[in-house]
Structure formats: C-alpha cells, structure tokens
Amino acid sequence: MDLSFDKVTNAQTVLHVDGRLDIETAAKLKAMSRKLIDDGTRELIIDLQGVSFVDSSGLSAVVSALKYIREREGQLKLAAVGDQPRTALTLTLLDRILDIYPSVEAATLAN
C-alpha cells in the first residue's frame, strides 16, 4: 500500500491510499492519519479510489482515524470508494456513520 497526501488548506488534507488496506497495511494508515491530525488537519479526506480491497483491520484503521479526529473536533470523510470497500462498509454498517463522497472534489467542497 502506498500513501501520499495533499494539503488543500491548513486544516483540510486529502490522504491518498493506493493498494490493499488489510492487516499488513492498516497500521501504516493509522499512523499517517494520526500524524496528519496531530499536525493540524481538522478535516481529513481519505481517498480510496486506488484501494482494491479492505478487510476488518483496514476498517478498524479508518474507525480509529474517525475517533481520533472527532476527539479533536474534526471531521473525517471518505472519497471515491470502490465496489469491494463499499461492500465492506455496508456489511459492517459503517456507511451509516462515515461521510462518503463520490469523489475527492465533492468531499473537499462539502461542508
């Protein structure tokens, strides 16, 4: 899994995830999310366009980021979620608590 990020504003960051988000890579996402939040991000957009597979460990890393940013009065958004990750979110009912947008652009513009 590869991670990169773009600062949209001082408080808004897009975290691009590419590859599988699973037990072998979830810790990397969790660590990067926390670092970005600790560095001042108050709106974290996780771009899942390049993610082909998510397992329970990957979902746990996303939930961890959600909890961490909410404790700091911030917001987490998911963008460009593919078929398998969307199915995993739906089956676990996480689609009901996470803000999901069709694209990074839609997520950056939404309040």
C-alpha atoms as a PDB file:
ATOM      1  CA  MET A   1       0.000   0.000   0.000  1.00  0.00           C
ATOM      2  CA  ASP A   2       1.202   3.481  -0.854  1.00  0.00           C
ATOM      3  CA  LEU A   3       0.167   6.629   0.996  1.00  0.00           C
ATOM      4  CA  SER A   4       0.535  10.232  -0.056  1.00  0.00           C
ATOM      5  CA  PHE A   5      -1.222  13.405   0.937  1.00  0.00           C
ATOM      6  CA  ASP A   6      -2.121  16.856  -0.332  1.00  0.00           C
ATOM      7  CA  LYS A   7      -2.827  19.813   1.901  1.00  0.00           C
ATOM      8  CA  VAL A   8      -5.879  21.571   0.443  1.00  0.00           C
ATOM      9  CA  THR A   9      -5.872  24.225   3.174  1.00  0.00           C
ATOM     10  CA  ASN A  10      -4.089  24.464   6.523  1.00  0.00           C
ATOM     11  CA  ALA A  11      -6.892  22.434   8.106  1.00  0.00           C
ATOM     12  CA  GLN A  12      -8.000  20.224   5.180  1.00  0.00           C
ATOM     13  CA  THR A  13      -5.889  17.306   3.939  1.00  0.00           C
ATOM     14  CA  VAL A  14      -6.518  14.604   1.356  1.00  0.00           C
ATOM     15  CA  LEU A  15      -4.845  11.296   2.206  1.00  0.00           C
ATOM     16  CA  HIS A  16      -4.491   9.157  -0.930  1.00  0.00           C
ATOM     17  CA  VAL A  17      -4.448   5.403  -0.357  1.00  0.00           C
ATOM     18  CA  ASP A  18      -3.357   3.030  -3.109  1.00  0.00           C
ATOM     19  CA  GLY A  19      -3.366  -0.763  -2.865  1.00  0.00           C
ATOM     20  CA  ARG A  20      -4.807  -3.189  -0.320  1.00  0.00           C
ATOM     21  CA  LEU A  21      -5.929  -1.924   3.073  1.00  0.00           C
ATOM     22  CA  ASP A  22      -5.565  -5.033   5.206  1.00  0.00           C
ATOM     23  CA  ILE A  23      -3.863  -6.483   8.256  1.00  0.00           C
ATOM     24  CA  GLU A  24      -0.435  -5.886   6.738  1.00  0.00           C
ATOM     25  CA  THR A  25      -1.034  -2.214   5.896  1.00  0.00           C
ATOM     26  CA  ALA A  26      -3.645  -0.917   8.358  1.00  0.00           C
ATOM     27  CA  ALA A  27      -1.075   0.265  10.906  1.00  0.00           C
ATOM     28  CA  LYS A  28       0.537   2.459   8.253  1.00  0.00           C
ATOM     29  CA  LEU A  29      -2.798   4.194   7.537  1.00  0.00           C
ATOM     30  CA  LYS A  30      -3.489   4.620  11.239  1.00  0.00           C
ATOM     31  CA  ALA A  31      -0.058   6.159  11.884  1.00  0.00           C
ATOM     32  CA  MET A  32      -0.257   8.533   8.910  1.00  0.00           C
ATOM     33  CA  SER A  33      -3.787   9.654   9.851  1.00  0.00           C
ATOM     34  CA  ARG A  34      -2.706  10.423  13.411  1.00  0.00           C
ATOM     35  CA  LYS A  35       0.358  12.340  12.228  1.00  0.00           C
ATOM     36  CA  LEU A  36      -1.702  14.494   9.869  1.00  0.00           C
ATOM     37  CA  ILE A  37      -4.282  15.187  12.588  1.00  0.00           C
ATOM     38  CA  ASP A  38      -1.568  15.978  15.131  1.00  0.00           C
ATOM     39  CA  ASP A  39      -0.050  18.379  12.578  1.00  0.00           C
ATOM     40  CA  GLY A  40      -3.269  20.420  12.409  1.00  0.00           C
ATOM     41  CA  THR A  41      -5.606  18.679   9.982  1.00  0.00           C
ATOM     42  CA  ARG A  42      -9.189  19.157  11.131  1.00  0.00           C
ATOM     43  CA  GLU A  43     -10.824  17.763   8.007  1.00  0.00           C
ATOM     44  CA  LEU A  44      -9.232  14.566   6.757  1.00  0.00           C
ATOM     45  CA  ILE A  45     -10.415  13.177   3.440  1.00  0.00           C
ATOM     46  CA  ILE A  46      -9.304   9.608   2.816  1.00  0.00           C
ATOM     47  CA  ASP A  47      -9.210   9.000  -0.933  1.00  0.00           C
ATOM     48  CA  LEU A  48      -9.930   5.306  -1.518  1.00  0.00           C
ATOM     49  CA  GLN A  49     -10.000   5.421  -5.312  1.00  0.00           C
ATOM     50  CA  GLY A  50      -6.871   3.277  -5.547  1.00  0.00           C
ATOM     51  CA  VAL A  51      -7.975   0.729  -2.947  1.00  0.00           C
ATOM     52  CA  SER A  52      -8.993  -2.635  -4.360  1.00  0.00           C
ATOM     53  CA  PHE A  53      -9.531  -4.494  -1.078  1.00  0.00           C
ATOM     54  CA  VAL A  54     -10.359  -3.644   2.551  1.00  0.00           C
ATOM     55  CA  ASP A  55     -10.560  -6.142   5.406  1.00  0.00           C
ATOM     56  CA  SER A  56     -11.605  -5.737   9.037  1.00  0.00           C
ATOM     57  CA  SER A  57      -8.156  -4.442  10.012  1.00  0.00           C
ATOM     58  CA  GLY A  58      -8.399  -1.756   7.359  1.00  0.00           C
ATOM     59  CA  LEU A  59     -11.871  -0.795   8.535  1.00  0.00           C
ATOM     60  CA  SER A  60     -10.547  -0.637  12.086  1.00  0.00           C
ATOM     61  CA  ALA A  61      -7.830   1.806  10.988  1.00  0.00           C
ATOM     62  CA  VAL A  62     -10.470   4.044   9.394  1.00  0.00           C
ATOM     63  CA  VAL A  63     -12.625   3.929  12.547  1.00  0.00           C
ATOM     64  CA  SER A  64      -9.553   4.736  14.639  1.00  0.00           C
ATOM     65  CA  ALA A  65      -8.881   7.807  12.485  1.00  0.00           C
ATOM     66  CA  LEU A  66     -12.546   8.824  12.801  1.00  0.00           C
ATOM     67  CA  LYS A  67     -12.433   8.584  16.588  1.00  0.00           C
ATOM     68  CA  TYR A  68      -9.085  10.395  16.803  1.00  0.00           C
ATOM     69  CA  ILE A  69     -10.190  13.341  14.661  1.00  0.00           C
ATOM     70  CA  ARG A  70     -13.599  13.624  16.369  1.00  0.00           C
ATOM     71  CA  GLU A  71     -11.846  13.871  19.751  1.00  0.00           C
ATOM     72  CA  ARG A  72     -10.143  16.950  18.292  1.00  0.00           C
ATOM     73  CA  GLU A  73     -13.435  18.335  16.950  1.00  0.00           C
ATOM     74  CA  GLY A  74     -12.553  17.490  13.376  1.00  0.00           C
ATOM     75  CA  GLN A  75     -14.224  15.609  10.561  1.00  0.00           C
ATOM     76  CA  LEU A  76     -13.321  12.527   8.529  1.00  0.00           C
ATOM     77  CA  LYS A  77     -14.617  11.932   5.016  1.00  0.00           C
ATOM     78  CA  LEU A  78     -14.156   9.022   2.629  1.00  0.00           C
ATOM     79  CA  ALA A  79     -13.975   9.684  -1.097  1.00  0.00           C
ATOM     80  CA  ALA A  80     -14.120   7.610  -4.282  1.00  0.00           C
ATOM     81  CA  VAL A  81     -14.917   4.324  -2.545  1.00  0.00           C
ATOM     82  CA  GLY A  82     -14.779   1.342  -4.910  1.00  0.00           C
ATOM     83  CA  ASP A  83     -17.057  -1.696  -5.026  1.00  0.00           C
ATOM     84  CA  GLN A  84     -15.342  -4.049  -2.572  1.00  0.00           C
ATOM     85  CA  PRO A  85     -14.541  -1.365   0.032  1.00  0.00           C
ATOM     86  CA  ARG A  86     -18.130  -0.067  -0.244  1.00  0.00           C
ATOM     87  CA  THR A  87     -19.482  -3.581   0.302  1.00  0.00           C
ATOM     88  CA  ALA A  88     -17.292  -3.951   3.407  1.00  0.00           C
ATOM     89  CA  LEU A  89     -18.531  -0.595   4.729  1.00  0.00           C
ATOM     90  CA  THR A  90     -22.151  -1.552   4.051  1.00  0.00           C
ATOM     91  CA  LEU A  91     -21.935  -5.015   5.609  1.00  0.00           C
ATOM     92  CA  THR A  92     -20.427  -3.567   8.795  1.00  0.00           C
ATOM     93  CA  LEU A  93     -22.918  -0.650   8.797  1.00  0.00           C
ATOM     94  CA  LEU A  94     -20.007   1.801   8.810  1.00  0.00           C
ATOM     95  CA  ASP A  95     -21.574   3.509   5.820  1.00  0.00           C
ATOM     96  CA  ARG A  96     -24.125   4.861   8.315  1.00  0.00           C
ATOM     97  CA  ILE A  97     -21.555   6.663  10.481  1.00  0.00           C
ATOM     98  CA  LEU A  98     -18.968   7.710   7.905  1.00  0.00           C
ATOM     99  CA  ASP A  99     -19.379  10.567   5.454  1.00  0.00           C
ATOM    100  CA  ILE A 100     -18.843   9.050   1.999  1.00  0.00           C
ATOM    101  CA  TYR A 101     -18.495  11.144  -1.181  1.00  0.00           C
ATOM    102  CA  PRO A 102     -18.312  10.065  -4.828  1.00  0.00           C
ATOM    103  CA  SER A 103     -15.056  11.961  -5.451  1.00  0.00           C
ATOM    104  CA  VAL A 104     -12.291  13.865  -3.697  1.00  0.00           C
ATOM    105  CA  GLU A 105     -13.583  17.065  -5.279  1.00  0.00           C
ATOM    106  CA  ALA A 106     -17.075  16.526  -3.847  1.00  0.00           C
ATOM    107  CA  ALA A 107     -15.593  15.834  -0.401  1.00  0.00           C
ATOM    108  CA  THR A 108     -13.391  18.938  -0.422  1.00  0.00           C
ATOM    109  CA  LEU A 109     -16.309  21.177  -1.384  1.00  0.00           C
ATOM    110  CA  ALA A 110     -18.844  19.708   1.086  1.00  0.00           C
ATOM    111  CA  ASN A 111     -19.307  21.313   4.463  1.00  0.00           C
END
